[in-house]
Amino acid sequence: RNAAVVAEAVDGMPGVRTVANEGTYLQWLDFTELGLDVEPAAWLLEHAKVALNPGPPFGAPALRFARLNYATTDVLLVEGLERIERAVRRRHG
């Protein structure tokens, strides 16, 4: 269920895309379209107060991806996604 919540939330975010999930509780989020000059995970921590894993330690290209762990409660997941969306919308426009 949480995977569907993430997919639906990200679908409405400008400049953010999901990457096909391979059956884990970790979801790659692609922030390429935002044109960030810092790692998305660092940007999200500063601007959304949400901690995601940076992509490069897991083999993702720099400045593009962050990894969201959605193995949490519905309340925390929705709150985190709402914070991400607000920060992305402020950045996007």
PDB file of N, CA and C in Angstrom:
ATOM      1  N   ARG A   1       0.816  -1.192   0.000  1.00  0.00           N
ATOM      2  CA  ARG A   1       0.000   0.000   0.000  1.00  0.00           C
ATOM      3  C   ARG A   1       0.864   1.261   0.000  1.00  0.00           C
ATOM      4  N   ASN A   2       1.947   1.284   0.791  1.00  0.00           N
ATOM      5  CA  ASN A   2       2.798   2.461   0.856  1.00  0.00           C
ATOM      6  C   ASN A   2       3.443   2.784  -0.485  1.00  0.00           C
ATOM      7  N   ALA A   3       3.749   1.754  -1.270  1.00  0.00           N
ATOM      8  CA  ALA A   3       4.321   1.995  -2.596  1.00  0.00           C
ATOM      9  C   ALA A   3       3.341   2.783  -3.455  1.00  0.00           C
ATOM     10  N   ALA A   4       2.068   2.457  -3.366  1.00  0.00           N
ATOM     11  CA  ALA A   4       1.044   3.177  -4.138  1.00  0.00           C
ATOM     12  C   ALA A   4       0.887   4.601  -3.637  1.00  0.00           C
ATOM     13  N   VAL A   5       0.991   4.810  -2.337  1.00  0.00           N
ATOM     14  CA  VAL A   5       0.903   6.162  -1.764  1.00  0.00           C
ATOM     15  C   VAL A   5       2.043   7.017  -2.300  1.00  0.00           C
ATOM     16  N   VAL A   6       3.250   6.465  -2.323  1.00  0.00           N
ATOM     17  CA  VAL A   6       4.410   7.203  -2.841  1.00  0.00           C
ATOM     18  C   VAL A   6       4.217   7.516  -4.315  1.00  0.00           C
ATOM     19  N   ALA A   7       3.840   6.528  -5.106  1.00  0.00           N
ATOM     20  CA  ALA A   7       3.664   6.738  -6.541  1.00  0.00           C
ATOM     21  C   ALA A   7       2.634   7.817  -6.834  1.00  0.00           C
ATOM     22  N   GLU A   8       1.525   7.787  -6.122  1.00  0.00           N
ATOM     23  CA  GLU A   8       0.481   8.788  -6.337  1.00  0.00           C
ATOM     24  C   GLU A   8       0.952  10.182  -5.933  1.00  0.00           C
ATOM     25  N   ALA A   9       1.635  10.290  -4.820  1.00  0.00           N
ATOM     26  CA  ALA A   9       2.116  11.589  -4.353  1.00  0.00           C
ATOM     27  C   ALA A   9       3.152  12.176  -5.307  1.00  0.00           C
ATOM     28  N   VAL A  10       4.085  11.364  -5.730  1.00  0.00           N
ATOM     29  CA  VAL A  10       5.151  11.854  -6.608  1.00  0.00           C
ATOM     30  C   VAL A  10       4.600  12.204  -7.981  1.00  0.00           C
ATOM     31  N   ASP A  11       3.577  11.515  -8.420  1.00  0.00           N
ATOM     32  CA  ASP A  11       2.961  11.815  -9.712  1.00  0.00           C
ATOM     33  C   ASP A  11       2.470  13.258  -9.776  1.00  0.00           C
ATOM     34  N   GLY A  12       2.113  13.834  -8.641  1.00  0.00           N
ATOM     35  CA  GLY A  12       1.633  15.201  -8.604  1.00  0.00           C
ATOM     36  C   GLY A  12       2.699  16.244  -8.324  1.00  0.00           C
ATOM     37  N   MET A  13       3.950  15.815  -8.186  1.00  0.00           N
ATOM     38  CA  MET A  13       5.031  16.754  -7.880  1.00  0.00           C
ATOM     39  C   MET A  13       5.745  17.210  -9.145  1.00  0.00           C
ATOM     40  N   PRO A  14       5.862  18.510  -9.344  1.00  0.00           N
ATOM     41  CA  PRO A  14       6.587  18.991 -10.524  1.00  0.00           C
ATOM     42  C   PRO A  14       8.093  18.730 -10.390  1.00  0.00           C
ATOM     43  N   GLY A  15       8.689  18.191 -11.428  1.00  0.00           N
ATOM     44  CA  GLY A  15      10.128  18.002 -11.450  1.00  0.00           C
ATOM     45  C   GLY A  15      10.639  16.775 -10.728  1.00  0.00           C
ATOM     46  N   VAL A  16       9.750  15.901 -10.246  1.00  0.00           N
ATOM     47  CA  VAL A  16      10.166  14.681  -9.540  1.00  0.00           C
ATOM     48  C   VAL A  16       9.513  13.481 -10.209  1.00  0.00           C
ATOM     49  N   ARG A  17      10.288  12.436 -10.351  1.00  0.00           N
ATOM     50  CA  ARG A  17       9.780  11.202 -10.969  1.00  0.00           C
ATOM     51  C   ARG A  17      10.177  10.016 -10.107  1.00  0.00           C
ATOM     52  N   THR A  18       9.413   8.944 -10.167  1.00  0.00           N
ATOM     53  CA  THR A  18       9.821   7.706  -9.516  1.00  0.00           C
ATOM     54  C   THR A  18      10.548   6.838 -10.530  1.00  0.00           C
ATOM     55  N   VAL A  19      11.343   5.942 -10.026  1.00  0.00           N
ATOM     56  CA  VAL A  19      12.028   4.951 -10.848  1.00  0.00           C
ATOM     57  C   VAL A  19      11.397   3.615 -10.504  1.00  0.00           C
ATOM     58  N   ALA A  20      11.187   2.768 -11.490  1.00  0.00           N
ATOM     59  CA  ALA A  20      10.538   1.482 -11.254  1.00  0.00           C
ATOM     60  C   ALA A  20      11.144   0.778 -10.045  1.00  0.00           C
ATOM     61  N   ASN A  21      10.272   0.379  -9.131  1.00  0.00           N
ATOM     62  CA  ASN A  21      10.690  -0.278  -7.909  1.00  0.00           C
ATOM     63  C   ASN A  21      10.837  -1.771  -8.158  1.00  0.00           C
ATOM     64  N   GLU A  22      11.858  -2.360  -7.547  1.00  0.00           N
ATOM     65  CA  GLU A  22      12.118  -3.785  -7.753  1.00  0.00           C
ATOM     66  C   GLU A  22      11.670  -4.627  -6.569  1.00  0.00           C
ATOM     67  N   GLY A  23      10.560  -4.249  -5.953  1.00  0.00           N
ATOM     68  CA  GLY A  23       9.981  -5.081  -4.917  1.00  0.00           C
ATOM     69  C   GLY A  23      10.534  -4.853  -3.525  1.00  0.00           C
ATOM     70  N   THR A  24      11.172  -3.734  -3.288  1.00  0.00           N
ATOM     71  CA  THR A  24      11.653  -3.430  -1.948  1.00  0.00           C
ATOM     72  C   THR A  24      10.816  -2.311  -1.350  1.00  0.00           C
ATOM     73  N   TYR A  25      11.140  -1.904  -0.156  1.00  0.00           N
ATOM     74  CA  TYR A  25      10.472  -0.781   0.493  1.00  0.00           C
ATOM     75  C   TYR A  25      11.281   0.496   0.323  1.00  0.00           C
ATOM     76  N   LEU A  26      12.204   0.485  -0.624  1.00  0.00           N
ATOM     77  CA  LEU A  26      13.036   1.645  -0.937  1.00  0.00           C
ATOM     78  C   LEU A  26      12.668   2.145  -2.325  1.00  0.00           C
ATOM     79  N   GLN A  27      12.323   3.410  -2.433  1.00  0.00           N
ATOM     80  CA  GLN A  27      11.895   3.992  -3.705  1.00  0.00           C
ATOM     81  C   GLN A  27      12.877   5.058  -4.151  1.00  0.00           C
ATOM     82  N   TRP A  28      13.428   4.886  -5.355  1.00  0.00           N
ATOM     83  CA  TRP A  28      14.279   5.919  -5.946  1.00  0.00           C
ATOM     84  C   TRP A  28      13.405   7.066  -6.437  1.00  0.00           C
ATOM     85  N   LEU A  29      13.795   8.275  -6.091  1.00  0.00           N
ATOM     86  CA  LEU A  29      13.143   9.466  -6.609  1.00  0.00           C
ATOM     87  C   LEU A  29      14.150  10.224  -7.450  1.00  0.00           C
ATOM     88  N   ASP A  30      13.750  10.589  -8.647  1.00  0.00           N
ATOM     89  CA  ASP A  30      14.611  11.286  -9.605  1.00  0.00           C
ATOM     90  C   ASP A  30      14.277  12.777  -9.581  1.00  0.00           C
ATOM     91  N   PHE A  31      15.257  13.577  -9.164  1.00  0.00           N
ATOM     92  CA  PHE A  31      15.096  15.022  -9.043  1.00  0.00           C
ATOM     93  C   PHE A  31      15.818  15.774 -10.159  1.00  0.00           C
ATOM     94  N   THR A  32      16.200  15.085 -11.219  1.00  0.00           N
ATOM     95  CA  THR A  32      16.981  15.681 -12.304  1.00  0.00           C
ATOM     96  C   THR A  32      16.369  16.972 -12.823  1.00  0.00           C
ATOM     97  N   GLU A  33      15.060  16.980 -13.032  1.00  0.00           N
ATOM     98  CA  GLU A  33      14.393  18.146 -13.628  1.00  0.00           C
ATOM     99  C   GLU A  33      14.454  19.396 -12.758  1.00  0.00           C
ATOM    100  N   LEU A  34      14.758  19.242 -11.467  1.00  0.00           N
ATOM    101  CA  LEU A  34      14.845  20.414 -10.597  1.00  0.00           C
ATOM    102  C   LEU A  34      16.166  21.169 -10.778  1.00  0.00           C
ATOM    103  N   GLY A  35      17.167  20.524 -11.393  1.00  0.00           N
ATOM    104  CA  GLY A  35      18.437  21.190 -11.645  1.00  0.00           C
ATOM    105  C   GLY A  35      19.160  21.611 -10.369  1.00  0.00           C
ATOM    106  N   LEU A  36      19.153  20.757  -9.367  1.00  0.00           N
ATOM    107  CA  LEU A  36      19.795  21.077  -8.099  1.00  0.00           C
ATOM    108  C   LEU A  36      21.323  21.082  -8.250  1.00  0.00           C
ATOM    109  N   ASP A  37      21.990  21.945  -7.472  1.00  0.00           N
ATOM    110  CA  ASP A  37      23.449  21.966  -7.486  1.00  0.00           C
ATOM    111  C   ASP A  37      24.031  21.317  -6.232  1.00  0.00           C
ATOM    112  N   VAL A  38      23.171  20.635  -5.480  1.00  0.00           N
ATOM    113  CA  VAL A  38      23.564  19.827  -4.324  1.00  0.00           C
ATOM    114  C   VAL A  38      22.821  18.507  -4.419  1.00  0.00           C
ATOM    115  N   GLU A  39      23.267  17.544  -3.637  1.00  0.00           N
ATOM    116  CA  GLU A  39      22.574  16.257  -3.628  1.00  0.00           C
ATOM    117  C   GLU A  39      21.117  16.464  -3.202  1.00  0.00           C
ATOM    118  N   PRO A  40      20.182  15.838  -3.894  1.00  0.00           N
ATOM    119  CA  PRO A  40      18.771  15.976  -3.522  1.00  0.00           C
ATOM    120  C   PRO A  40      18.499  15.639  -2.054  1.00  0.00           C
ATOM    121  N   ALA A  41      19.169  14.630  -1.506  1.00  0.00           N
ATOM    122  CA  ALA A  41      18.933  14.274  -0.107  1.00  0.00           C
ATOM    123  C   ALA A  41      19.313  15.426   0.816  1.00  0.00           C
ATOM    124  N   ALA A  42      20.418  16.094   0.535  1.00  0.00           N
ATOM    125  CA  ALA A  42      20.839  17.243   1.348  1.00  0.00           C
ATOM    126  C   ALA A  42      19.858  18.402   1.170  1.00  0.00           C
ATOM    127  N   TRP A  43      19.429  18.619  -0.060  1.00  0.00           N
ATOM    128  CA  TRP A  43      18.470  19.696  -0.347  1.00  0.00           C
ATOM    129  C   TRP A  43      17.152  19.448   0.384  1.00  0.00           C
ATOM    130  N   LEU A  44      16.677  18.196   0.354  1.00  0.00           N
ATOM    131  CA  LEU A  44      15.420  17.857   1.024  1.00  0.00           C
ATOM    132  C   LEU A  44      15.526  18.008   2.535  1.00  0.00           C
ATOM    133  N   LEU A  45      16.666  17.640   3.096  1.00  0.00           N
ATOM    134  CA  LEU A  45      16.836  17.798   4.534  1.00  0.00           C
ATOM    135  C   LEU A  45      16.758  19.270   4.926  1.00  0.00           C
ATOM    136  N   GLU A  46      17.381  20.118   4.128  1.00  0.00           N
ATOM    137  CA  GLU A  46      17.364  21.549   4.425  1.00  0.00           C
ATOM    138  C   GLU A  46      16.006  22.192   4.173  1.00  0.00           C
ATOM    139  N   HIS A  47      15.397  21.893   3.040  1.00  0.00           N
ATOM    140  CA  HIS A  47      14.194  22.610   2.615  1.00  0.00           C
ATOM    141  C   HIS A  47      12.868  21.939   2.993  1.00  0.00           C
ATOM    142  N   ALA A  48      12.892  20.626   3.201  1.00  0.00           N
ATOM    143  CA  ALA A  48      11.655  19.905   3.549  1.00  0.00           C
ATOM    144  C   ALA A  48      11.724  19.289   4.943  1.00  0.00           C
ATOM    145  N   LYS A  49      12.916  19.295   5.525  1.00  0.00           N
ATOM    146  CA  LYS A  49      13.126  18.665   6.844  1.00  0.00           C
ATOM    147  C   LYS A  49      12.733  17.191   6.811  1.00  0.00           C
ATOM    148  N   VAL A  50      13.103  16.533   5.694  1.00  0.00           N
ATOM    149  CA  VAL A  50      12.866  15.109   5.497  1.00  0.00           C
ATOM    150  C   VAL A  50      14.199  14.472   5.126  1.00  0.00           C
ATOM    151  N   ALA A  51      14.538  13.372   5.779  1.00  0.00           N
ATOM    152  CA  ALA A  51      15.812  12.699   5.530  1.00  0.00           C
ATOM    153  C   ALA A  51      15.625  11.504   4.595  1.00  0.00           C
ATOM    154  N   LEU A  52      16.228  11.599   3.413  1.00  0.00           N
ATOM    155  CA  LEU A  52      16.293  10.493   2.470  1.00  0.00           C
ATOM    156  C   LEU A  52      17.753  10.105   2.325  1.00  0.00           C
ATOM    157  N   ASN A  53      18.016   8.952   1.736  1.00  0.00           N
ATOM    158  CA  ASN A  53      19.387   8.540   1.474  1.00  0.00           C
ATOM    159  C   ASN A  53      19.875   9.157   0.179  1.00  0.00           C
ATOM    160  N   PRO A  54      21.115   9.683   0.160  1.00  0.00           N
ATOM    161  CA  PRO A  54      21.672  10.202  -1.090  1.00  0.00           C
ATOM    162  C   PRO A  54      21.938   9.058  -2.063  1.00  0.00           C
ATOM    163  N   GLY A  55      21.833   9.358  -3.348  1.00  0.00           N
ATOM    164  CA  GLY A  55      21.987   8.328  -4.366  1.00  0.00           C
ATOM    165  C   GLY A  55      23.384   7.794  -4.600  1.00  0.00           C
ATOM    166  N   PRO A  56      24.430   8.639  -4.654  1.00  0.00           N
ATOM    167  CA  PRO A  56      25.758   8.150  -5.032  1.00  0.00           C
ATOM    168  C   PRO A  56      26.295   6.961  -4.234  1.00  0.00           C
ATOM    169  N   PRO A  57      26.109   6.871  -2.919  1.00  0.00           N
ATOM    170  CA  PRO A  57      26.613   5.689  -2.222  1.00  0.00           C
ATOM    171  C   PRO A  57      25.985   4.375  -2.694  1.00  0.00           C
ATOM    172  N   PHE A  58      24.863   4.475  -3.387  1.00  0.00           N
ATOM    173  CA  PHE A  58      24.165   3.290  -3.884  1.00  0.00           C
ATOM    174  C   PHE A  58      24.280   3.150  -5.402  1.00  0.00           C
ATOM    175  N   GLY A  59      25.218   3.909  -5.999  1.00  0.00           N
ATOM    176  CA  GLY A  59      25.496   3.775  -7.419  1.00  0.00           C
ATOM    177  C   GLY A  59      24.749   4.715  -8.340  1.00  0.00           C
ATOM    178  N   ALA A  60      23.956   5.633  -7.805  1.00  0.00           N
ATOM    179  CA  ALA A  60      23.203   6.579  -8.639  1.00  0.00           C
ATOM    180  C   ALA A  60      24.089   7.768  -9.014  1.00  0.00           C
ATOM    181  N   PRO A  61      23.831   8.399 -10.157  1.00  0.00           N
ATOM    182  CA  PRO A  61      24.594   9.580 -10.552  1.00  0.00           C
ATOM    183  C   PRO A  61      24.429  10.725  -9.552  1.00  0.00           C
ATOM    184  N   ALA A  62      25.457  11.513  -9.402  1.00  0.00           N
ATOM    185  CA  ALA A  62      25.431  12.649  -8.481  1.00  0.00           C
ATOM    186  C   ALA A  62      24.389  13.675  -8.903  1.00  0.00           C
ATOM    187  N   LEU A  63      23.837  14.354  -7.914  1.00  0.00           N
ATOM    188  CA  LEU A  63      22.919  15.482  -8.080  1.00  0.00           C
ATOM    189  C   LEU A  63      21.588  15.132  -8.751  1.00  0.00           C
ATOM    190  N   ARG A  64      21.221  13.862  -8.721  1.00  0.00           N
ATOM    191  CA  ARG A  64      19.987  13.479  -9.416  1.00  0.00           C
ATOM    192  C   ARG A  64      18.999  12.690  -8.571  1.00  0.00           C
ATOM    193  N   PHE A  65      19.467  11.754  -7.763  1.00  0.00           N
ATOM    194  CA  PHE A  65      18.567  10.800  -7.117  1.00  0.00           C
ATOM    195  C   PHE A  65      18.679  10.808  -5.596  1.00  0.00           C
ATOM    196  N   ALA A  66      17.569  10.489  -4.952  1.00  0.00           N
ATOM    197  CA  ALA A  66      17.530  10.213  -3.517  1.00  0.00           C
ATOM    198  C   ALA A  66      16.660   8.976  -3.321  1.00  0.00           C
ATOM    199  N   ARG A  67      16.904   8.285  -2.243  1.00  0.00           N
ATOM    200  CA  ARG A  67      16.190   7.033  -1.985  1.00  0.00           C
ATOM    201  C   ARG A  67      15.307   7.191  -0.754  1.00  0.00           C
ATOM    202  N   LEU A  68      14.016   6.961  -0.942  1.00  0.00           N
ATOM    203  CA  LEU A  68      13.008   7.084   0.105  1.00  0.00           C
ATOM    204  C   LEU A  68      12.689   5.711   0.678  1.00  0.00           C
ATOM    205  N   ASN A  69      12.778   5.585   1.993  1.00  0.00           N
ATOM    206  CA  ASN A  69      12.384   4.367   2.685  1.00  0.00           C
ATOM    207  C   ASN A  69      10.929   4.552   3.112  1.00  0.00           C
ATOM    208  N   TYR A  70      10.029   3.794   2.528  1.00  0.00           N
ATOM    209  CA  TYR A  70       8.617   3.963   2.856  1.00  0.00           C
ATOM    210  C   TYR A  70       8.090   2.883   3.794  1.00  0.00           C
ATOM    211  N   ALA A  71       8.984   2.211   4.489  1.00  0.00           N
ATOM    212  CA  ALA A  71       8.576   1.237   5.503  1.00  0.00           C
ATOM    213  C   ALA A  71       8.354   1.976   6.820  1.00  0.00           C
ATOM    214  N   THR A  72       7.264   2.704   6.877  1.00  0.00           N
ATOM    215  CA  THR A  72       6.915   3.507   8.046  1.00  0.00           C
ATOM    216  C   THR A  72       5.403   3.565   8.172  1.00  0.00           C
ATOM    217  N   THR A  73       4.940   4.318   9.133  1.00  0.00           N
ATOM    218  CA  THR A  73       3.497   4.442   9.321  1.00  0.00           C
ATOM    219  C   THR A  73       2.892   5.334   8.230  1.00  0.00           C
ATOM    220  N   ASP A  74       1.614   5.166   8.011  1.00  0.00           N
ATOM    221  CA  ASP A  74       0.902   5.990   7.034  1.00  0.00           C
ATOM    222  C   ASP A  74       1.049   7.472   7.360  1.00  0.00           C
ATOM    223  N   VAL A  75       0.910   7.805   8.640  1.00  0.00           N
ATOM    224  CA  VAL A  75       0.962   9.209   9.060  1.00  0.00           C
ATOM    225  C   VAL A  75       2.321   9.823   8.733  1.00  0.00           C
ATOM    226  N   LEU A  76       3.408   9.136   9.086  1.00  0.00           N
ATOM    227  CA  LEU A  76       4.744   9.672   8.815  1.00  0.00           C
ATOM    228  C   LEU A  76       5.033   9.743   7.323  1.00  0.00           C
ATOM    229  N   LEU A  77       4.607   8.734   6.580  1.00  0.00           N
ATOM    230  CA  LEU A  77       4.843   8.729   5.143  1.00  0.00           C
ATOM    231  C   LEU A  77       4.133   9.898   4.470  1.00  0.00           C
ATOM    232  N   VAL A  78       2.882  10.094   4.770  1.00  0.00           N
ATOM    233  CA  VAL A  78       2.115  11.185   4.163  1.00  0.00           C
ATOM    234  C   VAL A  78       2.709  12.534   4.555  1.00  0.00           C
ATOM    235  N   GLU A  79       3.065  12.706   5.806  1.00  0.00           N
ATOM    236  CA  GLU A  79       3.674  13.964   6.257  1.00  0.00           C
ATOM    237  C   GLU A  79       4.981  14.237   5.501  1.00  0.00           C
ATOM    238  N   GLY A  80       5.821  13.226   5.377  1.00  0.00           N
ATOM    239  CA  GLY A  80       7.078  13.398   4.652  1.00  0.00           C
ATOM    240  C   GLY A  80       6.857  13.748   3.194  1.00  0.00           C
ATOM    241  N   LEU A  81       5.935  13.071   2.549  1.00  0.00           N
ATOM    242  CA  LEU A  81       5.642  13.352   1.143  1.00  0.00           C
ATOM    243  C   LEU A  81       5.058  14.747   0.960  1.00  0.00           C
ATOM    244  N   GLU A  82       4.223  15.174   1.893  1.00  0.00           N
ATOM    245  CA  GLU A  82       3.666  16.534   1.814  1.00  0.00           C
ATOM    246  C   GLU A  82       4.768  17.578   1.978  1.00  0.00           C
ATOM    247  N   ARG A  83       5.702  17.334   2.870  1.00  0.00           N
ATOM    248  CA  ARG A  83       6.825  18.261   3.042  1.00  0.00           C
ATOM    249  C   ARG A  83       7.679  18.330   1.785  1.00  0.00           C
ATOM    250  N   ILE A  84       7.940  17.165   1.198  1.00  0.00           N
ATOM    251  CA  ILE A  84       8.717  17.132  -0.044  1.00  0.00           C
ATOM    252  C   ILE A  84       7.988  17.921  -1.127  1.00  0.00           C
ATOM    253  N   GLU A  85       6.693  17.683  -1.261  1.00  0.00           N
ATOM    254  CA  GLU A  85       5.932  18.391  -2.293  1.00  0.00           C
ATOM    255  C   GLU A  85       5.950  19.902  -2.101  1.00  0.00           C
ATOM    256  N   ARG A  86       5.783  20.367  -0.878  1.00  0.00           N
ATOM    257  CA  ARG A  86       5.828  21.811  -0.639  1.00  0.00           C
ATOM    258  C   ARG A  86       7.180  22.397  -1.019  1.00  0.00           C
ATOM    259  N   ALA A  87       8.263  21.706  -0.652  1.00  0.00           N
ATOM    260  CA  ALA A  87       9.599  22.207  -0.985  1.00  0.00           C
ATOM    261  C   ALA A  87       9.829  22.212  -2.491  1.00  0.00           C
ATOM    262  N   VAL A  88       9.401  21.158  -3.165  1.00  0.00           N
ATOM    263  CA  VAL A  88       9.572  21.062  -4.617  1.00  0.00           C
ATOM    264  C   VAL A  88       8.760  22.138  -5.316  1.00  0.00           C
ATOM    265  N   ARG A  89       7.556  22.386  -4.875  1.00  0.00           N
ATOM    266  CA  ARG A  89       6.721  23.424  -5.495  1.00  0.00           C
ATOM    267  C   ARG A  89       7.328  24.805  -5.301  1.00  0.00           C
ATOM    268  N   ARG A  90       7.903  25.073  -4.127  1.00  0.00           N
ATOM    269  CA  ARG A  90       8.583  26.354  -3.924  1.00  0.00           C
ATOM    270  C   ARG A  90       9.771  26.484  -4.865  1.00  0.00           C
ATOM    271  N   ARG A  91      10.513  25.410  -5.051  1.00  0.00           N
ATOM    272  CA  ARG A  91      11.680  25.421  -5.938  1.00  0.00           C
ATOM    273  C   ARG A  91      11.272  25.554  -7.406  1.00  0.00           C
ATOM    274  N   HIS A  92      10.247  24.829  -7.767  1.00  0.00           N
ATOM    275  CA  HIS A  92       9.844  24.727  -9.169  1.00  0.00           C
ATOM    276  C   HIS A  92       9.177  26.000  -9.677  1.00  0.00           C
ATOM    277  N   GLY A  93       8.555  26.734  -8.768  1.00  0.00           N
ATOM    278  CA  GLY A  93       7.975  27.875  -9.369  1.00  0.00           C
ATOM    279  C   GLY A  93       7.063  28.768  -8.762  1.00  0.00           C
TER     280      GLY A  93
END
